[in-house]
N, C-alpha and C. Protein backbone atom coordinates (compact mmCIF):
# COMPACT_ATOMS: atom_id res chain seq x y z
N UNK A 1 2.45 17.38 -16.00
CA UNK A 1 2.58 16.80 -14.68
C UNK A 1 2.22 17.85 -13.64
N UNK A 2 1.30 17.49 -12.77
CA UNK A 2 0.83 18.44 -11.77
C UNK A 2 1.78 18.49 -10.58
N UNK A 3 2.10 19.70 -10.14
CA UNK A 3 2.98 19.83 -8.98
C UNK A 3 2.18 19.55 -7.71
N UNK A 4 2.88 19.10 -6.69
CA UNK A 4 2.20 18.78 -5.43
C UNK A 4 1.69 20.05 -4.77
N UNK A 5 0.48 19.94 -4.23
CA UNK A 5 -0.10 21.06 -3.50
C UNK A 5 0.26 20.94 -2.02
N UNK A 6 0.28 22.06 -1.37
CA UNK A 6 0.47 22.08 0.08
C UNK A 6 -0.84 21.64 0.73
N UNK A 7 -0.74 21.11 1.94
CA UNK A 7 -1.94 20.69 2.64
C UNK A 7 -2.92 21.85 2.80
N UNK A 8 -2.41 23.04 2.97
CA UNK A 8 -3.28 24.21 3.15
C UNK A 8 -4.08 24.54 1.89
N UNK A 9 -3.66 24.00 0.75
CA UNK A 9 -4.35 24.28 -0.52
C UNK A 9 -5.35 23.19 -0.88
N UNK A 10 -5.38 22.10 -0.12
CA UNK A 10 -6.27 20.99 -0.43
C UNK A 10 -7.65 21.16 0.20
N UNK A 11 -8.66 20.61 -0.46
CA UNK A 11 -10.00 20.62 0.11
C UNK A 11 -10.08 19.55 1.20
N UNK A 12 -11.15 19.57 1.97
CA UNK A 12 -11.33 18.58 3.03
C UNK A 12 -11.34 17.17 2.45
N UNK A 13 -12.02 16.98 1.33
CA UNK A 13 -12.09 15.66 0.69
C UNK A 13 -10.70 15.21 0.25
N UNK A 14 -9.94 16.12 -0.36
CA UNK A 14 -8.58 15.78 -0.80
C UNK A 14 -7.69 15.43 0.39
N UNK A 15 -7.86 16.18 1.49
CA UNK A 15 -7.08 15.89 2.69
C UNK A 15 -7.43 14.52 3.25
N UNK A 16 -8.71 14.19 3.28
CA UNK A 16 -9.14 12.88 3.78
C UNK A 16 -8.58 11.76 2.92
N UNK A 17 -8.54 11.96 1.60
CA UNK A 17 -7.96 10.96 0.69
C UNK A 17 -6.46 10.81 0.95
N UNK A 18 -5.78 11.93 1.13
CA UNK A 18 -4.35 11.93 1.40
C UNK A 18 -4.06 11.19 2.71
N UNK A 19 -4.85 11.46 3.74
CA UNK A 19 -4.66 10.80 5.03
C UNK A 19 -4.84 9.29 4.89
N UNK A 20 -5.88 8.88 4.17
CA UNK A 20 -6.13 7.45 3.96
C UNK A 20 -4.96 6.79 3.24
N UNK A 21 -4.44 7.45 2.21
CA UNK A 21 -3.29 6.91 1.46
C UNK A 21 -2.05 6.82 2.35
N UNK A 22 -1.81 7.86 3.13
CA UNK A 22 -0.64 7.85 4.01
C UNK A 22 -0.74 6.76 5.06
N UNK A 23 -1.93 6.60 5.63
CA UNK A 23 -2.12 5.56 6.66
C UNK A 23 -1.95 4.16 6.06
N UNK A 24 -2.41 3.97 4.83
CA UNK A 24 -2.24 2.67 4.17
C UNK A 24 -0.76 2.39 3.90
N UNK A 25 -0.04 3.40 3.42
CA UNK A 25 1.40 3.25 3.19
C UNK A 25 2.13 2.98 4.51
N UNK A 26 1.69 3.66 5.57
CA UNK A 26 2.31 3.47 6.89
C UNK A 26 2.06 2.05 7.39
N UNK A 27 0.86 1.54 7.18
CA UNK A 27 0.52 0.18 7.61
C UNK A 27 1.43 -0.83 6.90
N UNK A 28 1.60 -0.63 5.59
CA UNK A 28 2.46 -1.54 4.81
C UNK A 28 3.92 -1.44 5.27
N UNK A 29 4.38 -0.22 5.54
CA UNK A 29 5.76 -0.02 6.00
C UNK A 29 5.96 -0.71 7.35
N UNK A 30 4.97 -0.62 8.21
CA UNK A 30 5.06 -1.27 9.52
C UNK A 30 5.13 -2.79 9.36
N UNK A 31 4.31 -3.33 8.47
CA UNK A 31 4.31 -4.77 8.23
C UNK A 31 5.65 -5.26 7.69
N UNK A 32 6.31 -4.40 6.94
CA UNK A 32 7.60 -4.76 6.34
C UNK A 32 8.76 -4.46 7.29
N UNK A 33 8.45 -3.95 8.48
CA UNK A 33 9.49 -3.66 9.45
C UNK A 33 10.27 -2.40 9.18
N UNK A 34 9.72 -1.52 8.36
CA UNK A 34 10.39 -0.26 8.01
C UNK A 34 9.94 0.81 9.00
N UNK A 35 10.57 0.78 10.18
CA UNK A 35 10.14 1.63 11.30
C UNK A 35 10.26 3.11 10.98
N UNK A 36 11.36 3.52 10.37
CA UNK A 36 11.56 4.94 10.05
C UNK A 36 10.53 5.43 9.03
N UNK A 37 10.30 4.63 8.01
CA UNK A 37 9.32 4.99 6.97
C UNK A 37 7.93 5.11 7.60
N UNK A 38 7.60 4.18 8.48
CA UNK A 38 6.32 4.21 9.18
C UNK A 38 6.17 5.53 9.96
N UNK A 39 7.20 5.89 10.70
CA UNK A 39 7.15 7.11 11.52
C UNK A 39 6.96 8.36 10.65
N UNK A 40 7.66 8.42 9.53
CA UNK A 40 7.53 9.57 8.63
C UNK A 40 6.12 9.67 8.06
N UNK A 41 5.58 8.54 7.61
CA UNK A 41 4.23 8.54 7.03
C UNK A 41 3.16 8.89 8.07
N UNK A 42 3.31 8.39 9.27
CA UNK A 42 2.36 8.73 10.35
C UNK A 42 2.42 10.22 10.67
N UNK A 43 3.63 10.78 10.69
CA UNK A 43 3.79 12.21 10.98
C UNK A 43 3.14 13.05 9.88
N UNK A 44 3.28 12.62 8.64
CA UNK A 44 2.63 13.34 7.52
C UNK A 44 1.11 13.28 7.66
N UNK A 45 0.59 12.12 8.05
CA UNK A 45 -0.86 11.98 8.24
C UNK A 45 -1.35 12.89 9.36
N UNK A 46 -0.60 13.00 10.43
CA UNK A 46 -0.96 13.89 11.54
C UNK A 46 -1.00 15.34 11.07
N UNK A 47 -0.02 15.72 10.24
CA UNK A 47 0.00 17.09 9.72
C UNK A 47 -1.20 17.34 8.81
N UNK A 48 -1.53 16.39 7.95
CA UNK A 48 -2.69 16.55 7.06
C UNK A 48 -3.97 16.68 7.89
N UNK A 49 -4.08 15.89 8.96
CA UNK A 49 -5.25 15.97 9.83
C UNK A 49 -5.39 17.34 10.47
N UNK A 50 -4.27 17.97 10.76
CA UNK A 50 -4.30 19.30 11.40
C UNK A 50 -5.03 20.31 10.53
N UNK A 51 -4.96 20.13 9.20
CA UNK A 51 -5.61 21.07 8.29
C UNK A 51 -7.11 20.82 8.16
N UNK A 52 -7.58 19.69 8.68
CA UNK A 52 -9.02 19.42 8.70
C UNK A 52 -9.65 20.02 9.95
N UNK A 53 -8.88 20.05 11.03
CA UNK A 53 -9.38 20.56 12.30
C UNK A 53 -9.49 22.09 12.24
N UNK A 54 -10.39 22.63 13.04
CA UNK A 54 -10.60 24.08 13.09
C UNK A 54 -9.83 24.67 14.27
N UNK A 55 -8.85 25.54 14.00
CA UNK A 55 -8.08 26.15 15.09
C UNK A 55 -8.96 26.90 16.10
N UNK A 56 -10.13 27.33 15.67
CA UNK A 56 -11.03 28.06 16.58
C UNK A 56 -11.56 27.17 17.70
N UNK A 57 -11.44 25.84 17.52
CA UNK A 57 -11.88 24.90 18.56
C UNK A 57 -10.89 24.80 19.71
N UNK A 58 -9.74 25.45 19.57
CA UNK A 58 -8.69 25.38 20.58
C UNK A 58 -8.47 26.77 21.15
N UNK A 59 -8.40 26.84 22.47
CA UNK A 59 -8.32 28.14 23.15
C UNK A 59 -7.03 28.31 23.94
N UNK A 60 -6.51 29.52 23.89
CA UNK A 60 -5.34 29.90 24.67
C UNK A 60 -5.65 29.68 26.16
N UNK A 61 -4.70 29.10 26.87
CA UNK A 61 -4.86 28.87 28.30
C UNK A 61 -5.55 27.55 28.65
N UNK A 62 -6.14 26.89 27.67
CA UNK A 62 -6.81 25.61 27.92
C UNK A 62 -5.80 24.47 27.92
N UNK A 63 -6.19 23.38 28.55
CA UNK A 63 -5.34 22.20 28.65
C UNK A 63 -6.00 21.06 27.90
N UNK A 64 -5.21 20.38 27.07
CA UNK A 64 -5.71 19.29 26.24
C UNK A 64 -4.83 18.06 26.43
N UNK A 65 -5.46 16.88 26.37
CA UNK A 65 -4.69 15.65 26.41
C UNK A 65 -4.02 15.47 25.04
N UNK A 66 -2.82 14.90 25.05
CA UNK A 66 -2.08 14.68 23.81
C UNK A 66 -2.43 13.30 23.26
N UNK A 67 -2.93 13.27 22.04
CA UNK A 67 -3.30 12.02 21.38
C UNK A 67 -2.07 11.12 21.23
N UNK A 68 -2.24 9.87 21.58
CA UNK A 68 -1.15 8.92 21.45
C UNK A 68 -0.15 8.96 22.59
N UNK A 69 -0.42 9.79 23.59
CA UNK A 69 0.46 9.91 24.74
C UNK A 69 -0.41 9.99 26.00
N UNK A 70 -1.04 8.88 26.38
CA UNK A 70 -1.99 8.89 27.50
C UNK A 70 -1.39 9.46 28.78
N UNK A 71 -2.18 10.29 29.44
CA UNK A 71 -1.74 10.89 30.69
C UNK A 71 -0.88 12.13 30.53
N UNK A 72 -0.58 12.49 29.29
CA UNK A 72 0.20 13.70 29.02
C UNK A 72 -0.74 14.82 28.56
N UNK A 73 -0.54 16.00 29.12
CA UNK A 73 -1.40 17.14 28.82
C UNK A 73 -0.57 18.32 28.34
N UNK A 74 -1.21 19.15 27.53
CA UNK A 74 -0.55 20.28 26.88
C UNK A 74 -1.37 21.54 27.13
N UNK A 75 -0.72 22.59 27.62
CA UNK A 75 -1.40 23.87 27.84
C UNK A 75 -1.00 24.83 26.73
N UNK A 76 -2.00 25.39 26.06
CA UNK A 76 -1.77 26.28 24.92
C UNK A 76 -1.48 27.71 25.38
N UNK A 77 -0.34 28.23 24.90
CA UNK A 77 -0.02 29.64 25.11
C UNK A 77 -0.60 30.49 23.98
N UNK A 78 -0.45 29.99 22.74
CA UNK A 78 -1.03 30.68 21.58
C UNK A 78 -1.08 29.73 20.40
N UNK A 79 -1.86 30.12 19.40
CA UNK A 79 -1.99 29.34 18.17
C UNK A 79 -1.36 30.10 17.02
N UNK A 80 -0.72 29.36 16.13
CA UNK A 80 -0.17 29.95 14.92
C UNK A 80 -0.49 28.99 13.79
N UNK A 81 -1.50 29.31 13.01
CA UNK A 81 -1.95 28.41 11.95
C UNK A 81 -2.55 27.16 12.55
N UNK A 82 -2.02 26.00 12.15
CA UNK A 82 -2.53 24.73 12.67
C UNK A 82 -1.64 24.19 13.79
N UNK A 83 -0.79 25.05 14.34
CA UNK A 83 0.07 24.64 15.44
C UNK A 83 -0.33 25.35 16.73
N UNK A 84 -0.35 24.57 17.81
CA UNK A 84 -0.58 25.11 19.14
C UNK A 84 0.79 25.20 19.82
N UNK A 85 1.12 26.39 20.28
CA UNK A 85 2.38 26.59 21.00
C UNK A 85 2.09 26.63 22.48
N UNK A 86 2.90 25.95 23.24
CA UNK A 86 2.71 25.93 24.68
C UNK A 86 3.71 24.97 25.31
N UNK A 87 3.26 24.31 26.37
CA UNK A 87 4.16 23.40 27.06
C UNK A 87 3.39 22.22 27.64
N UNK A 88 4.10 21.13 27.84
CA UNK A 88 3.52 19.94 28.43
C UNK A 88 3.47 20.10 29.94
N UNK A 89 2.35 19.73 30.53
CA UNK A 89 2.28 19.71 31.98
C UNK A 89 3.17 18.56 32.44
N UNK A 90 3.83 18.72 33.55
CA UNK A 90 4.78 17.72 34.06
C UNK A 90 5.97 17.55 33.13
N UNK A 91 6.18 18.50 32.23
CA UNK A 91 7.35 18.45 31.34
C UNK A 91 8.45 19.31 31.92
N UNK A 92 9.43 19.64 31.10
CA UNK A 92 10.55 20.46 31.57
C UNK A 92 10.26 21.96 31.47
N UNK A 93 9.06 22.31 31.04
CA UNK A 93 8.67 23.72 30.97
C UNK A 93 9.08 24.42 29.69
N UNK A 94 9.75 23.71 28.80
CA UNK A 94 10.16 24.35 27.55
C UNK A 94 8.98 24.43 26.59
N UNK A 95 8.94 25.52 25.85
CA UNK A 95 7.85 25.74 24.90
C UNK A 95 8.07 24.89 23.66
N UNK A 96 6.97 24.34 23.14
CA UNK A 96 7.03 23.56 21.90
C UNK A 96 5.75 23.78 21.12
N UNK A 97 5.76 23.35 19.87
CA UNK A 97 4.58 23.46 19.01
C UNK A 97 4.10 22.06 18.67
N UNK A 98 2.79 21.86 18.78
CA UNK A 98 2.18 20.59 18.38
C UNK A 98 1.11 20.88 17.34
N UNK A 99 0.98 20.03 16.33
CA UNK A 99 -0.14 20.18 15.40
C UNK A 99 -1.44 19.99 16.19
N UNK A 100 -2.46 20.78 15.88
CA UNK A 100 -3.70 20.70 16.65
C UNK A 100 -4.36 19.33 16.52
N UNK A 101 -3.99 18.55 15.52
CA UNK A 101 -4.55 17.21 15.37
C UNK A 101 -4.08 16.27 16.48
N UNK A 102 -3.04 16.65 17.21
CA UNK A 102 -2.56 15.83 18.32
C UNK A 102 -3.26 16.17 19.63
N UNK A 103 -4.08 17.20 19.63
CA UNK A 103 -4.74 17.62 20.86
C UNK A 103 -6.18 17.12 20.88
N UNK A 104 -6.53 16.42 21.95
CA UNK A 104 -7.88 15.88 22.08
C UNK A 104 -8.79 16.95 22.67
N UNK A 105 -10.00 17.04 22.12
CA UNK A 105 -10.93 18.08 22.55
C UNK A 105 -11.54 17.87 23.92
N UNK A 106 -11.30 16.73 24.55
CA UNK A 106 -11.85 16.53 25.90
C UNK A 106 -10.97 17.28 26.89
N UNK A 107 -11.29 18.57 27.05
CA UNK A 107 -10.47 19.45 27.89
C UNK A 107 -10.50 18.98 29.33
N UNK A 108 -9.36 19.16 30.00
CA UNK A 108 -9.25 18.79 31.42
C UNK A 108 -9.15 20.04 32.24
């Protein structure tokens, strides 16, 4: 029996397959009214997507729109792996980390 690999150990093709499977499971959970299960599966898919994106495409000091949260923007203080650390504009000013897959490349 093969042990589960971390997302960082998967190839791009394997990650894309994992994302497709997670999204399908999430769709089924949503149809069945399993809100918590849906949220967990969607979050896993977002994390897997972060490993497909290139952290070099994101720059310190730049502002990015947050995917799935229209009108909300995030300013990057620094990157650590596939996470961008910074703060939300119009937020409370507290620092947080977002997977880079949540940041849209259309910089503002």
